[in-house]
């Protein structure tokens, strides 16, 4: 089991720009 922090990249709303989001997922 581990918590895996990483940066995810996807378009942000209607701004037309893409941004990085800090995401934590739990992987067992």
PDB file of N, CA and C in Angstrom:
ATOM      1  N   UNK A   1       0.840  -1.197   0.000  1.00  0.00           N
ATOM      2  CA  UNK A   1       0.000   0.000   0.000  1.00  0.00           C
ATOM      3  C   UNK A   1       0.877   1.249   0.000  1.00  0.00           C
ATOM      4  N   UNK A   2       0.481   2.244  -0.761  1.00  0.00           N
ATOM      5  CA  UNK A   2       1.255   3.481  -0.793  1.00  0.00           C
ATOM      6  C   UNK A   2       0.400   4.631  -1.296  1.00  0.00           C
ATOM      7  N   UNK A   3       0.756   5.808  -0.854  1.00  0.00           N
ATOM      8  CA  UNK A   3       0.123   7.011  -1.400  1.00  0.00           C
ATOM      9  C   UNK A   3       1.088   7.610  -2.406  1.00  0.00           C
ATOM     10  N   UNK A   4       0.601   7.835  -3.592  1.00  0.00           N
ATOM     11  CA  UNK A   4       1.464   8.222  -4.689  1.00  0.00           C
ATOM     12  C   UNK A   4       1.142   9.633  -5.169  1.00  0.00           C
ATOM     13  N   UNK A   5       1.962  10.610  -4.786  1.00  0.00           N
ATOM     14  CA  UNK A   5       1.756  11.971  -5.233  1.00  0.00           C
ATOM     15  C   UNK A   5       2.361  12.199  -6.625  1.00  0.00           C
ATOM     16  N   UNK A   6       1.666  12.918  -7.472  1.00  0.00           N
ATOM     17  CA  UNK A   6       2.214  13.231  -8.786  1.00  0.00           C
ATOM     18  C   UNK A   6       1.502  14.433  -9.393  1.00  0.00           C
ATOM     19  N   UNK A   7       2.082  14.973 -10.410  1.00  0.00           N
ATOM     20  CA  UNK A   7       1.459  16.101 -11.105  1.00  0.00           C
ATOM     21  C   UNK A   7       0.694  15.594 -12.323  1.00  0.00           C
ATOM     22  N   UNK A   8      -0.521  16.057 -12.457  1.00  0.00           N
ATOM     23  CA  UNK A   8      -1.329  15.673 -13.606  1.00  0.00           C
ATOM     24  C   UNK A   8      -1.596  16.914 -14.448  1.00  0.00           C
ATOM     25  N   UNK A   9      -1.589  16.709 -15.752  1.00  0.00           N
ATOM     26  CA  UNK A   9      -1.690  17.825 -16.685  1.00  0.00           C
ATOM     27  C   UNK A   9      -2.968  17.707 -17.510  1.00  0.00           C
ATOM     28  N   UNK A  10      -3.848  18.686 -17.395  1.00  0.00           N
ATOM     29  CA  UNK A  10      -5.034  18.669 -18.242  1.00  0.00           C
ATOM     30  C   UNK A  10      -5.599  20.066 -18.431  1.00  0.00           C
ATOM     31  N   UNK A  11      -6.402  20.260 -19.469  1.00  0.00           N
ATOM     32  CA  UNK A  11      -6.966  21.584 -19.782  1.00  0.00           C
ATOM     33  C   UNK A  11      -7.799  22.133 -18.637  1.00  0.00           C
ATOM     34  N   UNK A  12      -7.713  23.422 -18.428  1.00  0.00           N
ATOM     35  CA  UNK A  12      -8.438  24.033 -17.331  1.00  0.00           C
ATOM     36  C   UNK A  12      -9.632  24.826 -17.844  1.00  0.00           C
ATOM     37  N   UNK A  13     -10.797  24.241 -17.696  1.00  0.00           N
ATOM     38  CA  UNK A  13     -12.054  24.939 -17.995  1.00  0.00           C
ATOM     39  C   UNK A  13     -12.075  25.593 -19.366  1.00  0.00           C
ATOM     40  N   UNK A  14     -12.588  26.817 -19.420  1.00  0.00           N
ATOM     41  CA  UNK A  14     -12.762  27.511 -20.687  1.00  0.00           C
ATOM     42  C   UNK A  14     -11.627  28.485 -20.939  1.00  0.00           C
ATOM     43  N   UNK A  15     -10.601  28.402 -20.110  1.00  0.00           N
ATOM     44  CA  UNK A  15      -9.489  29.352 -20.240  1.00  0.00           C
ATOM     45  C   UNK A  15      -8.682  29.057 -21.493  1.00  0.00           C
ATOM     46  N   UNK A  16      -8.803  27.814 -21.971  1.00  0.00           N
ATOM     47  CA  UNK A  16      -8.053  27.426 -23.158  1.00  0.00           C
ATOM     48  C   UNK A  16      -6.616  27.094 -22.834  1.00  0.00           C
ATOM     49  N   UNK A  17      -6.272  27.184 -21.562  1.00  0.00           N
ATOM     50  CA  UNK A  17      -4.913  26.865 -21.157  1.00  0.00           C
ATOM     51  C   UNK A  17      -4.908  25.557 -20.371  1.00  0.00           C
ATOM     52  N   UNK A  18      -3.779  24.880 -20.391  1.00  0.00           N
ATOM     53  CA  UNK A  18      -3.661  23.660 -19.605  1.00  0.00           C
ATOM     54  C   UNK A  18      -2.826  23.953 -18.368  1.00  0.00           C
ATOM     55  N   UNK A  19      -3.177  23.327 -17.280  1.00  0.00           N
ATOM     56  CA  UNK A  19      -2.453  23.567 -16.042  1.00  0.00           C
ATOM     57  C   UNK A  19      -2.135  22.257 -15.336  1.00  0.00           C
ATOM     58  N   UNK A  20      -1.147  22.322 -14.460  1.00  0.00           N
ATOM     59  CA  UNK A  20      -0.779  21.149 -13.686  1.00  0.00           C
ATOM     60  C   UNK A  20      -1.568  21.123 -12.378  1.00  0.00           C
ATOM     61  N   UNK A  21      -2.053  19.948 -12.042  1.00  0.00           N
ATOM     62  CA  UNK A  21      -2.728  19.768 -10.771  1.00  0.00           C
ATOM     63  C   UNK A  21      -1.955  18.766  -9.945  1.00  0.00           C
ATOM     64  N   UNK A  22      -1.850  19.024  -8.644  1.00  0.00           N
ATOM     65  CA  UNK A  22      -1.171  18.099  -7.758  1.00  0.00           C
ATOM     66  C   UNK A  22      -2.175  17.066  -7.264  1.00  0.00           C
ATOM     67  N   UNK A  23      -1.892  15.819  -7.562  1.00  0.00           N
ATOM     68  CA  UNK A  23      -2.851  14.766  -7.269  1.00  0.00           C
ATOM     69  C   UNK A  23      -2.221  13.712  -6.375  1.00  0.00           C
ATOM     70  N   UNK A  24      -3.001  13.195  -5.449  1.00  0.00           N
ATOM     71  CA  UNK A  24      -2.541  12.080  -4.636  1.00  0.00           C
ATOM     72  C   UNK A  24      -3.481  10.893  -4.833  1.00  0.00           C
ATOM     73  N   UNK A  25      -2.913   9.748  -5.183  1.00  0.00           N
ATOM     74  CA  UNK A  25      -3.730   8.555  -5.327  1.00  0.00           C
ATOM     75  C   UNK A  25      -3.244   7.478  -4.366  1.00  0.00           C
ATOM     76  N   UNK A  26      -4.166   6.647  -3.951  1.00  0.00           N
ATOM     77  CA  UNK A  26      -3.811   5.572  -3.035  1.00  0.00           C
ATOM     78  C   UNK A  26      -3.749   4.279  -3.835  1.00  0.00           C
ATOM     79  N   UNK A  27      -2.590   3.642  -3.817  1.00  0.00           N
ATOM     80  CA  UNK A  27      -2.417   2.414  -4.577  1.00  0.00           C
ATOM     81  C   UNK A  27      -2.062   1.279  -3.631  1.00  0.00           C
ATOM     82  N   UNK A  28      -2.871   0.214  -3.654  1.00  0.00           N
ATOM     83  CA  UNK A  28      -2.627  -0.897  -2.741  1.00  0.00           C
ATOM     84  C   UNK A  28      -2.052  -2.104  -3.482  1.00  0.00           C
TER      85      UNK A  28
END
